[in-house]
Protein backbone atom coordinates (compact mmCIF):
# COMPACT_ATOMS: atom_id res chain seq x y z
CA MET A 1 -3.38 -29.65 21.25
CA ASP A 2 -1.24 -27.82 18.65
CA VAL A 3 -1.29 -29.48 15.27
CA GLN A 4 2.05 -28.01 14.31
CA ALA A 5 3.72 -29.60 17.30
CA THR A 6 2.53 -33.10 16.38
CA ARG A 7 3.24 -32.79 12.67
CA VAL A 8 5.71 -35.40 11.37
CA VAL A 9 7.63 -34.41 8.25
CA PRO A 10 8.28 -37.58 6.19
CA ASP A 11 11.26 -36.09 4.31
CA GLY A 12 10.17 -38.10 1.29
CA GLY A 13 7.37 -40.60 0.76
CA TYR A 14 4.39 -38.90 -0.87
CA GLY A 15 6.56 -35.79 -0.95
CA TRP A 16 8.30 -37.12 -4.06
CA VAL A 17 4.89 -37.29 -5.77
CA VAL A 18 4.47 -33.62 -4.86
CA VAL A 19 7.94 -32.90 -6.32
CA ALA A 20 6.98 -34.63 -9.58
CA ALA A 21 3.72 -32.66 -9.70
CA VAL A 22 5.58 -29.38 -9.16
CA ALA A 23 8.08 -30.36 -11.87
CA LEU A 24 5.15 -30.86 -14.26
CA ILE A 25 3.71 -27.45 -13.35
CA ASN A 26 7.11 -25.79 -13.86
CA MET A 27 7.68 -27.57 -17.17
CA THR A 28 4.36 -26.45 -18.65
CA ASN A 29 4.20 -22.94 -17.16
CA GLN A 30 7.49 -21.52 -15.85
CA SER A 31 9.40 -22.52 -19.00
CA ILE A 32 7.14 -20.26 -21.11
CA LEU A 33 9.29 -17.29 -20.08
CA SER A 34 12.27 -18.71 -22.00
CA VAL A 35 10.53 -18.62 -25.42
CA PHE A 36 9.19 -15.06 -25.33
CA GLY A 37 11.75 -13.76 -27.81
CA GLN A 38 11.31 -16.72 -30.14
CA LEU A 39 7.52 -16.57 -30.01
CA PHE A 40 6.56 -12.88 -29.79
CA VAL A 41 9.38 -10.75 -31.23
CA GLY A 42 8.54 -11.60 -34.85
CA GLU A 43 4.87 -10.76 -34.35
CA LEU A 44 5.79 -7.51 -32.59
CA ARG A 45 8.01 -6.56 -35.52
CA GLN A 46 5.05 -6.94 -37.87
CA MET A 47 3.06 -4.66 -35.55
CA GLN A 48 5.84 -2.05 -35.88
CA GLY A 49 7.01 -2.79 -32.35
CA ASP A 50 10.67 -2.26 -31.47
CA THR A 51 12.98 -3.82 -28.89
CA PHE A 52 11.92 -1.18 -26.37
CA THR A 53 8.33 -2.45 -26.62
CA ALA A 54 9.44 -6.06 -26.23
CA ALA A 55 11.53 -5.10 -23.20
CA LEU A 56 8.53 -3.24 -21.73
CA ILE A 57 6.35 -6.36 -22.09
CA THR A 58 8.88 -8.68 -20.43
CA ASN A 59 9.73 -6.17 -17.72
CA LEU A 60 6.07 -5.59 -16.84
CA ASN A 61 5.69 -9.35 -16.74
CA SER A 62 8.52 -9.56 -14.22
CA LEU A 63 7.02 -6.62 -12.32
CA ALA A 64 3.66 -8.39 -11.94
CA LEU A 65 5.40 -11.66 -11.07
CA ASN A 66 7.55 -10.16 -8.32
CA PHE A 67 5.03 -7.77 -6.77
CA SER A 68 2.51 -10.60 -6.40
CA GLY A 69 4.62 -11.53 -3.37
CA LEU A 70 2.95 -8.71 -1.42
CA PHE A 71 -0.20 -10.74 -0.81
CA ILE A 72 0.77 -14.33 -1.66
CA GLY A 73 1.02 -15.22 2.05
CA PRO A 74 -2.64 -14.48 2.93
CA ALA A 75 -3.75 -16.21 -0.28
CA ILE A 76 -1.91 -19.43 0.62
CA LYS A 77 -3.26 -19.34 4.20
CA SER A 78 -6.83 -18.85 3.03
CA PHE A 79 -6.99 -21.07 -0.06
CA LYS A 80 -4.07 -23.56 0.40
CA PRO A 81 -1.13 -24.06 -2.02
CA ARG A 82 -3.07 -26.46 -4.26
CA ASN A 83 -5.80 -23.92 -5.08
CA VAL A 84 -3.37 -21.02 -5.45
CA ALA A 85 -1.20 -23.01 -7.89
CA ALA A 86 -4.29 -24.06 -9.87
CA THR A 87 -5.42 -20.42 -10.06
CA GLY A 88 -1.98 -19.46 -11.35
CA CYS A 89 -2.20 -22.08 -14.14
CA VAL A 90 -5.64 -20.79 -15.17
CA LEU A 91 -4.35 -17.20 -15.29
CA VAL A 92 -1.40 -18.25 -17.47
CA TRP A 93 -3.78 -20.06 -19.84
CA PHE A 94 -6.09 -17.06 -20.04
CA GLY A 95 -3.22 -14.61 -20.65
CA LEU A 96 -1.75 -16.70 -23.47
CA THR A 97 -5.17 -17.09 -25.05
CA LEU A 98 -5.54 -13.30 -25.12
CA CYS A 99 -2.10 -13.01 -26.74
CA ALA A 100 -3.12 -15.45 -29.49
CA PHE A 101 -5.79 -13.01 -30.69
CA ALA A 102 -3.72 -9.84 -30.16
CA THR A 103 -3.74 -7.23 -32.93
CA GLN A 104 -1.80 -4.46 -31.14
CA SER A 105 1.23 -4.45 -28.87
CA TRP A 106 -0.75 -3.32 -25.81
CA HIS A 107 -2.76 -6.55 -26.05
CA PHE A 108 0.47 -8.39 -25.20
CA ILE A 109 0.93 -6.11 -22.20
CA VAL A 110 -2.50 -7.11 -20.87
CA GLY A 111 -2.25 -10.81 -21.68
CA TYR A 112 1.43 -11.64 -21.21
CA SER A 113 2.65 -8.96 -18.81
CA PHE A 114 -0.21 -8.95 -16.31
CA PHE A 115 -2.16 -12.20 -16.57
CA VAL A 116 0.79 -14.51 -17.32
CA GLY A 117 3.08 -12.62 -14.93
CA PHE A 118 0.58 -12.64 -12.10
CA GLY A 119 -0.19 -16.32 -12.70
CA LEU A 120 3.47 -17.29 -12.56
CA GLY A 121 3.83 -15.19 -9.41
CA LEU A 122 1.14 -17.34 -7.76
CA ILE A 123 2.67 -20.62 -8.95
CA SER A 124 6.23 -20.20 -7.71
CA PRO A 125 5.71 -19.63 -3.94
CA SER A 126 2.70 -21.94 -3.65
CA THR A 127 4.55 -24.89 -5.17
CA PHE A 128 7.54 -24.18 -2.93
CA MET A 129 5.28 -24.19 0.13
CA ALA A 130 3.87 -27.56 -0.95
CA ILE A 131 7.36 -29.07 -1.17
CA ASN A 132 8.52 -27.37 2.02
CA SER A 133 5.89 -29.17 4.12
CA TYR A 134 7.18 -32.61 3.10
CA PHE A 135 10.97 -32.18 3.36
CA THR A 136 13.60 -31.11 5.88
CA SER A 137 17.14 -32.44 5.24
CA LYS A 138 16.38 -33.34 1.60
CA ARG A 139 14.68 -30.03 0.85
CA GLY A 140 17.49 -28.75 -1.38
CA ARG A 141 17.44 -31.85 -3.57
CA ALA A 142 13.66 -31.75 -3.79
CA VAL A 143 13.68 -28.11 -4.88
CA GLY A 144 16.44 -28.86 -7.40
CA VAL A 145 14.42 -31.70 -8.96
CA SER A 146 11.30 -29.54 -9.14
CA LEU A 147 13.23 -26.74 -10.82
CA ALA A 148 14.68 -29.26 -13.24
CA GLY A 149 11.15 -29.59 -14.61
CA ALA A 150 11.35 -25.99 -15.79
CA GLY A 151 14.73 -26.75 -17.34
CA LEU A 152 13.29 -29.75 -19.19
CA GLY A 153 10.55 -27.52 -20.56
CA GLN A 154 13.19 -25.03 -21.72
CA VAL A 155 14.87 -27.86 -23.66
CA LEU A 156 11.74 -29.15 -25.40
CA ILE A 157 9.48 -26.13 -25.85
CA PRO A 158 11.79 -24.10 -28.19
CA HIS A 159 11.65 -26.95 -30.71
CA LEU A 160 7.87 -27.17 -30.31
CA VAL A 161 7.54 -23.41 -30.86
CA ARG A 162 9.78 -23.55 -33.94
CA TYR A 163 7.70 -26.34 -35.47
CA LEU A 164 4.40 -24.62 -34.75
CA LEU A 165 5.56 -21.23 -36.07
CA GLU A 166 6.91 -22.71 -39.30
CA ASN A 167 3.92 -24.96 -39.99
CA HIS A 168 0.88 -23.36 -38.33
CA GLY A 169 1.70 -19.71 -37.65
CA PHE A 170 1.79 -17.46 -34.61
CA ARG A 171 -1.81 -17.81 -33.42
CA TYR A 172 -1.89 -21.60 -33.30
CA ALA A 173 1.55 -21.70 -31.69
CA VAL A 174 0.37 -19.49 -28.81
CA LEU A 175 -2.90 -21.43 -28.47
CA ALA A 176 -0.92 -24.67 -28.24
CA LEU A 177 1.21 -23.21 -25.42
CA SER A 178 -1.92 -22.00 -23.63
CA ALA A 179 -3.36 -25.52 -23.84
CA LEU A 180 -0.06 -26.88 -22.53
CA SER A 181 -0.21 -24.57 -19.53
CA VAL A 182 -3.62 -25.99 -18.54
CA THR A 183 -1.99 -29.41 -17.99
CA GLY A 184 -0.44 -27.82 -14.92
CA LEU A 185 -3.85 -28.33 -13.30
CA VAL A 186 -3.11 -32.07 -13.31
CA GLY A 187 0.00 -31.42 -11.23
CA ALA A 188 -1.90 -29.08 -8.91
CA MET A 189 -4.33 -31.91 -8.09
CA PHE A 190 -1.48 -33.83 -6.41
CA LEU A 191 -0.40 -30.96 -4.13
CA LYS A 192 -2.00 -32.62 -1.14
CA PRO A 193 -1.38 -30.70 2.12
CA LEU A 194 0.42 -32.57 4.88
CA ASN A 195 -1.65 -32.65 8.09
CA PRO A 196 -3.48 -29.41 7.23
CA THR A 197 -4.02 -27.02 10.08
CA GLY A 198 -7.33 -25.42 10.99
CA LYS A 199 -8.92 -23.19 8.41
CA HIS A 200 -7.70 -19.61 8.50
CA ASN A 201 -10.75 -17.36 8.67
CA ASN A 202 -9.63 -14.06 7.18
CA HIS A 203 -13.09 -12.50 7.48
CA ARG A 204 -13.24 -13.16 11.23
CA HIS A 205 -9.65 -11.96 11.62
CA MET A 206 -10.36 -8.68 9.85
CA ARG A 207 -13.54 -8.20 11.91
CA LEU A 208 -11.57 -8.65 15.15
CA LEU A 209 -8.99 -6.10 13.97
CA ALA A 210 -11.77 -3.65 13.11
CA ASP A 211 -13.36 -4.17 16.54
CA ALA A 212 -9.97 -3.56 18.19
CA ASP A 213 -9.54 -0.34 16.25
CA GLN A 214 -13.02 0.83 17.26
CA ALA A 215 -12.25 0.04 20.90
CA ASP A 216 -9.03 2.04 20.67
CA LYS A 217 -10.92 4.96 19.13
CA HIS A 218 -13.54 4.84 21.88
CA GLN A 219 -10.87 4.70 24.56
CA SER A 220 -8.95 7.65 23.14
CA SER A 221 -12.13 9.72 22.69
CA SER A 222 -13.23 9.08 26.26
CA LEU A 223 -10.03 10.53 27.72
CA GLN A 224 -10.61 13.66 29.79
CA VAL A 225 -8.19 16.44 30.58
CA VAL A 226 -7.67 16.81 34.33
CA VAL A 227 -6.61 20.24 35.57
CA VAL A 228 -3.99 19.90 38.30
CA PRO A 229 -2.97 22.82 40.47
CA ALA A 230 0.49 24.14 39.83
CA SER A 231 1.49 23.42 43.42
CA ASN A 232 0.79 19.69 42.97
CA GLN A 233 2.59 19.40 39.63
CA THR A 234 5.97 17.68 39.67
CA LYS A 235 8.78 19.24 37.71
CA GLY A 236 9.16 17.68 34.27
CA GLU A 237 5.84 15.79 34.54
CA GLU A 238 3.77 15.54 31.34
CA LEU A 239 0.02 15.69 31.81
CA ILE A 240 -0.86 15.21 28.10
CA PRO A 241 -1.88 11.57 27.55
CA LYS A 242 0.11 9.71 24.92
CA THR A 243 -2.25 8.34 22.31
CA GLU A 244 -1.29 6.28 19.26
CA THR A 245 -2.84 7.30 15.98
CA ILE A 246 -4.39 4.88 13.49
CA CYS A 247 -1.65 5.71 10.95
CA GLY A 248 0.98 4.89 13.56
CA ARG A 249 -0.58 1.51 14.28
CA LEU A 250 -0.91 0.68 10.59
CA SER A 251 2.67 1.68 9.84
CA GLN A 252 3.93 -0.40 12.75
CA ARG A 253 1.98 -3.42 11.53
CA LEU A 254 3.33 -2.86 8.02
CA VAL A 255 6.91 -2.75 9.28
CA GLN A 256 6.40 -5.92 11.30
CA SER A 257 4.57 -7.87 8.60
CA MET A 258 7.08 -7.01 5.86
CA ASP A 259 10.16 -7.10 8.14
CA LEU A 260 11.24 -3.65 6.96
CA GLU A 261 13.86 -3.59 9.73
CA LEU A 262 16.06 -5.50 7.28
CA LEU A 263 16.44 -2.31 5.24
CA LYS A 264 18.67 -0.91 8.01
CA ASP A 265 21.28 -3.53 7.03
CA PHE A 266 23.67 -2.29 4.32
CA VAL A 267 24.76 -5.84 3.43
CA PHE A 268 21.14 -6.82 2.86
CA TRP A 269 20.75 -3.88 0.47
CA SER A 270 23.84 -5.07 -1.40
CA ILE A 271 22.48 -8.60 -1.65
CA ILE A 272 19.00 -7.79 -2.94
CA ILE A 273 20.17 -5.10 -5.38
CA GLY A 274 22.95 -7.30 -6.72
CA MET A 275 20.64 -10.25 -7.23
CA ALA A 276 18.05 -7.99 -8.86
CA LEU A 277 20.65 -6.70 -11.34
CA VAL A 278 21.70 -10.25 -12.24
CA TYR A 279 18.04 -11.23 -12.61
CA THR A 280 17.41 -8.26 -14.91
CA ALA A 281 20.41 -9.08 -17.10
CA THR A 282 19.20 -12.70 -17.34
CA VAL A 283 15.68 -11.66 -18.35
CA ASN A 284 17.04 -9.33 -21.02
CA PHE A 285 19.43 -11.99 -22.34
CA THR A 286 16.57 -14.48 -22.69
CA MET A 287 14.72 -11.93 -24.79
CA ILE A 288 17.53 -10.94 -27.18
CA PHE A 289 19.42 -14.25 -27.46
CA PRO A 290 17.29 -15.58 -30.38
CA GLY A 291 17.63 -12.24 -32.20
CA PHE A 292 21.41 -12.23 -31.69
CA LEU A 293 21.73 -15.74 -33.10
CA GLY A 294 19.40 -15.08 -36.03
CA GLN A 295 20.43 -11.55 -37.07
CA SER A 296 23.91 -10.83 -35.70
CA ALA A 297 25.34 -14.36 -36.07
CA GLY A 298 23.22 -15.22 -39.14
CA PHE A 299 21.98 -18.68 -38.11
CA ASP A 300 18.71 -20.28 -39.17
CA SER A 301 15.82 -21.12 -36.84
CA GLN A 302 16.97 -24.71 -36.31
CA VAL A 303 20.39 -23.61 -35.02
CA VAL A 304 18.73 -20.95 -32.86
CA ALA A 305 16.51 -23.58 -31.24
CA PHE A 306 19.52 -25.88 -30.74
CA CYS A 307 21.54 -23.17 -28.95
CA MET A 308 18.58 -22.33 -26.73
CA SER A 309 18.24 -26.01 -25.90
CA ALA A 310 21.98 -26.14 -25.11
CA VAL A 311 21.49 -23.37 -22.55
CA ALA A 312 18.49 -25.13 -21.04
CA GLY A 313 20.16 -28.57 -21.11
CA ALA A 314 23.21 -27.37 -19.19
CA ASP A 315 20.90 -25.54 -16.80
CA ILE A 316 18.81 -28.62 -16.04
CA VAL A 317 21.85 -30.88 -15.44
CA CYS A 318 23.43 -28.38 -13.06
CA ARG A 319 20.17 -27.89 -11.16
CA LEU A 320 20.38 -31.58 -10.28
CA LEU A 321 24.14 -31.84 -9.61
CA LEU A 322 25.20 -28.44 -8.29
CA PRO A 323 23.41 -28.66 -4.89
CA ILE A 324 25.13 -31.98 -4.19
CA ILE A 325 28.58 -30.59 -5.06
CA THR A 326 28.26 -27.31 -3.18
CA ASP A 327 26.81 -29.01 -0.09
CA HIS A 328 29.67 -31.50 -0.07
CA LEU A 329 32.32 -28.77 -0.41
CA ARG A 330 30.42 -26.49 2.00
CA ILE A 331 30.77 -23.46 -0.25
CA PRO A 332 28.64 -20.50 0.95
CA TYR A 333 25.56 -19.87 -1.16
CA ARG A 334 26.49 -16.27 -1.85
CA VAL A 335 29.96 -17.27 -3.07
CA VAL A 336 28.41 -19.73 -5.52
CA PHE A 337 26.06 -16.98 -6.72
CA LEU A 338 29.06 -14.64 -7.17
CA LEU A 339 30.99 -17.27 -9.15
CA GLY A 340 27.96 -17.80 -11.36
CA THR A 341 27.71 -14.05 -11.98
CA ALA A 342 31.40 -13.85 -12.90
CA GLY A 343 30.95 -16.77 -15.29
CA LEU A 344 27.96 -15.08 -16.94
CA PHE A 345 30.04 -11.92 -17.40
CA ALA A 346 32.85 -13.84 -19.14
CA ALA A 347 30.42 -15.79 -21.33
CA ARG A 348 28.59 -12.61 -22.41
CA CYS A 349 31.86 -10.97 -23.50
CA ILE A 350 33.07 -14.01 -25.47
CA LEU A 351 29.65 -14.55 -27.04
CA ALA A 352 29.47 -10.93 -28.20
CA GLN A 353 32.84 -11.22 -29.98
CA SER A 354 32.27 -14.56 -31.69
CA LYS A 355 30.28 -15.61 -34.76
CA ASP A 356 31.63 -19.18 -34.96
CA LEU A 357 29.07 -21.88 -34.22
CA PRO A 358 31.33 -24.15 -32.06
CA ILE A 359 32.30 -21.26 -29.78
CA ILE A 360 28.68 -20.09 -29.53
CA ILE A 361 27.57 -23.61 -28.56
CA VAL A 362 30.27 -23.80 -25.86
CA MET A 363 29.27 -20.39 -24.54
CA SER A 364 25.60 -21.44 -24.56
CA VAL A 365 26.48 -24.41 -22.36
CA LEU A 366 28.58 -22.19 -20.06
CA ILE A 367 25.73 -19.70 -19.75
CA GLY A 368 23.37 -22.54 -18.79
CA VAL A 369 25.77 -23.75 -16.10
CA MET A 370 26.33 -20.30 -14.62
CA LYS A 371 22.64 -19.43 -14.84
CA SER A 372 21.78 -22.47 -12.70
CA ALA A 373 24.30 -21.29 -10.08
CA THR A 374 22.47 -17.98 -9.75
CA VAL A 375 18.93 -19.39 -9.92
CA LEU A 376 19.49 -22.15 -7.34
CA ASN A 377 21.30 -19.91 -4.86
CA ASN A 378 18.99 -16.91 -5.12
CA ASN A 379 16.65 -17.64 -2.21
CA LEU A 380 19.36 -19.63 -0.42
CA THR A 381 21.53 -16.51 -0.29
CA ILE A 382 18.71 -14.60 1.38
CA SER A 383 18.09 -17.46 3.83
CA SER A 384 21.78 -17.60 4.81
CA HIS A 385 21.81 -13.88 5.67
CA CYS A 386 18.41 -13.45 7.36
CA ARG A 387 17.23 -15.05 10.56
CA SER A 388 14.47 -17.61 10.19
CA GLU A 389 11.81 -15.27 11.57
CA LYS A 390 12.83 -12.59 9.04
CA LEU A 391 13.17 -14.90 6.03
CA ALA A 392 9.67 -14.36 4.64
CA GLY A 393 10.09 -10.59 4.73
CA GLY A 394 13.55 -10.85 3.21
CA LEU A 395 12.23 -12.89 0.28
CA GLY A 396 9.40 -10.41 -0.25
CA LEU A 397 11.75 -7.42 -0.26
CA SER A 398 14.04 -9.24 -2.68
CA MET A 399 11.13 -9.85 -5.05
CA MET A 400 10.10 -6.20 -4.90
CA SER A 401 13.66 -5.03 -5.60
CA LYS A 402 13.66 -7.24 -8.70
CA GLY A 403 10.42 -5.67 -9.83
CA VAL A 404 11.73 -2.12 -9.41
CA ILE A 405 15.09 -2.74 -11.10
CA VAL A 406 13.74 -4.82 -13.95
CA ILE A 407 11.34 -2.03 -14.97
CA SER A 408 14.09 0.61 -14.79
CA VAL A 409 17.41 -1.01 -15.71
CA GLY A 410 15.67 -3.53 -17.95
CA GLN A 411 14.04 -0.76 -19.95
CA MET A 412 17.42 0.94 -20.24
CA LEU A 413 18.85 -2.23 -21.80
CA GLY A 414 16.00 -2.27 -24.32
CA TRP A 415 16.69 1.37 -25.15
CA VAL A 416 20.40 0.58 -25.66
CA ARG A 417 19.48 -2.17 -28.13
CA ASP A 418 17.21 0.15 -30.14
CA PHE A 419 19.51 3.19 -30.01
CA ALA A 420 22.62 1.27 -31.06
CA ASP A 421 20.64 -1.08 -33.37
CA SER A 422 22.97 -3.87 -32.27
CA TYR A 423 22.46 -7.03 -30.25
CA THR A 424 26.21 -7.17 -29.63
CA ILE A 425 26.30 -3.81 -27.84
CA CYS A 426 23.30 -4.93 -25.76
CA LEU A 427 25.27 -8.01 -24.69
CA TYR A 428 28.15 -5.75 -23.62
CA ALA A 429 25.71 -3.59 -21.64
CA GLN A 430 24.51 -6.72 -19.81
CA ALA A 431 28.14 -7.64 -19.14
CA VAL A 432 28.76 -4.21 -17.56
CA ILE A 433 25.85 -4.73 -15.17
CA LEU A 434 27.17 -8.18 -14.18
CA LEU A 435 30.66 -6.73 -13.70
CA LEU A 436 29.29 -4.07 -11.34
CA VAL A 437 27.82 -6.81 -9.12
CA VAL A 438 31.13 -8.71 -9.10
CA LEU A 439 33.11 -5.58 -8.22
CA ALA A 440 30.66 -4.60 -5.46
CA TRP A 441 30.39 -8.02 -3.84
CA THR A 442 33.97 -9.32 -4.03
CA PRO A 443 35.66 -6.86 -1.59
CA GLU A 444 32.80 -7.18 0.88
CA ILE A 445 32.83 -11.00 0.84
CA LEU A 446 36.63 -11.08 1.20
CA PHE A 447 36.49 -8.60 4.10
CA ARG A 448 33.82 -10.60 5.92
CA HIS A 449 35.72 -13.84 5.27
CA ARG A 450 38.94 -12.43 6.76
CA LYS A 451 37.00 -11.01 9.70
CA GLN A 452 35.48 -14.41 10.41
CA ARG A 453 38.90 -16.07 10.17
CA ARG A 454 40.33 -13.59 12.68
CA GLN A 455 37.40 -14.23 15.01
CA ARG A 456 37.92 -18.00 14.74
CA ARG A 457 41.63 -17.60 15.46
CA THR A 458 40.90 -15.41 18.46
CA THR A 459 38.37 -17.92 19.75
CA THR A 460 40.81 -20.79 19.25
CA LYS A 461 43.61 -18.97 21.07
CA SER A 462 41.33 -18.10 23.98
CA MET A 463 40.23 -21.73 24.24
CA GLU A 464 43.84 -22.91 24.16
CA THR A 465 44.76 -20.38 26.85
CA THR A 466 41.87 -21.59 29.00
CA VAL A 467 42.91 -25.21 28.54
CA ASP A 468 46.56 -24.46 29.37
CA GLY A 469 45.53 -22.48 32.45
CA GLY A 470 43.34 -25.35 33.57
CA GLU A 471 46.20 -27.81 33.19
CA GLU A 472 48.54 -25.60 35.25
CA VAL A 473 45.94 -25.29 38.00
CA ALA A 474 45.50 -29.03 37.98
CA LYS A 475 49.26 -29.57 38.32
CA LEU A 476 49.46 -27.14 41.25
CA ASN A 477 46.55 -28.82 42.99
CA SER A 478 48.18 -32.21 42.54
């Protein structure tokens, strides 16, 4: 009997305990990304590191995080979400501990970029899989609450980092964050699988594949060429047997496993590249925002921490409320993402021109609101475009596009900051990237919307014509 067929999804119950556990993991691990600039930039400056180096560290972190999606599926099948999430927490702890004892900038690349990035890459999909098994209709709310944990961490941790840096120094501040990340193991303990299926034996699976390949090799090598007289040969008949090479089989399996057929869709390309550009601009803004407030605007560390908390506070509130509003109004996920991108563009431009604290606080809140619109609707945009059987591949390709663009365009933004020696110009460069996404997406979305309206009108008219014809036939028969 199939276990999957008899599985009952509670759509709540113990699932809310899993949501709380995931929120704890996100609060103590995922929120660490938001304090990179506040925590590491000062230490990098003492090591003679520039903004380009800081951008390289954050971009390599994003690269490791996103490209971990290549093999996260087999890891979850073999070791279960609980163990994968726990491993991610341990890797984050180990990476931060290495950073605490760093003496050169490349130590941060090893500790923060690779270990922390890879650990966060394991945490995100495994915790989502744990929630996904417990919820159906309430899945969006559950994901929003779990992501709110990361937002809560972004509110509290900047103040903790400020206190630790001012009173205990860089090393103890990083060690405190590494100890905080270990508490994610407590949350991982509660990621109990729902009606777990049979154990996936990867070793046996690989052995069967190897045996199949050997059988194919033996079959192809045992083929013999038969000489047929010319008189018995039919015109156009091919006597050379068609054999499939090992490379052909591997490439076909790669295409099927990663759903590379999606790359034939131009709209899909537009979606993943646009979301990757927005993601890159967000990562770069998180890195330079403390420097802009401290050096360009001239505020002290307390005001810097308050503005960062304003961004995170608005983000966490909207992560809880925005799914309810958009679901009620039935606004397409991609449209909400586009509106959030346009709002981020406007906020960047106003923020770059202003040095007044009230305006900066308002723009910080606006950036938090618009950021939540893009974060919440990232995967939902992919799911609304791809069929269910292609969704996993679509998410993986989206993650890889983020990794490629963040290491290229993200490094360009770091170079702009160093070359111009201005945080303001860097904000304008981010705004240009966001504007490109708005200009590329808006005509396409409007065209598809009008096309769908015409199709609905045509369908409605054909149905009305059918109904009218049926009524006339009925009258004649009567």
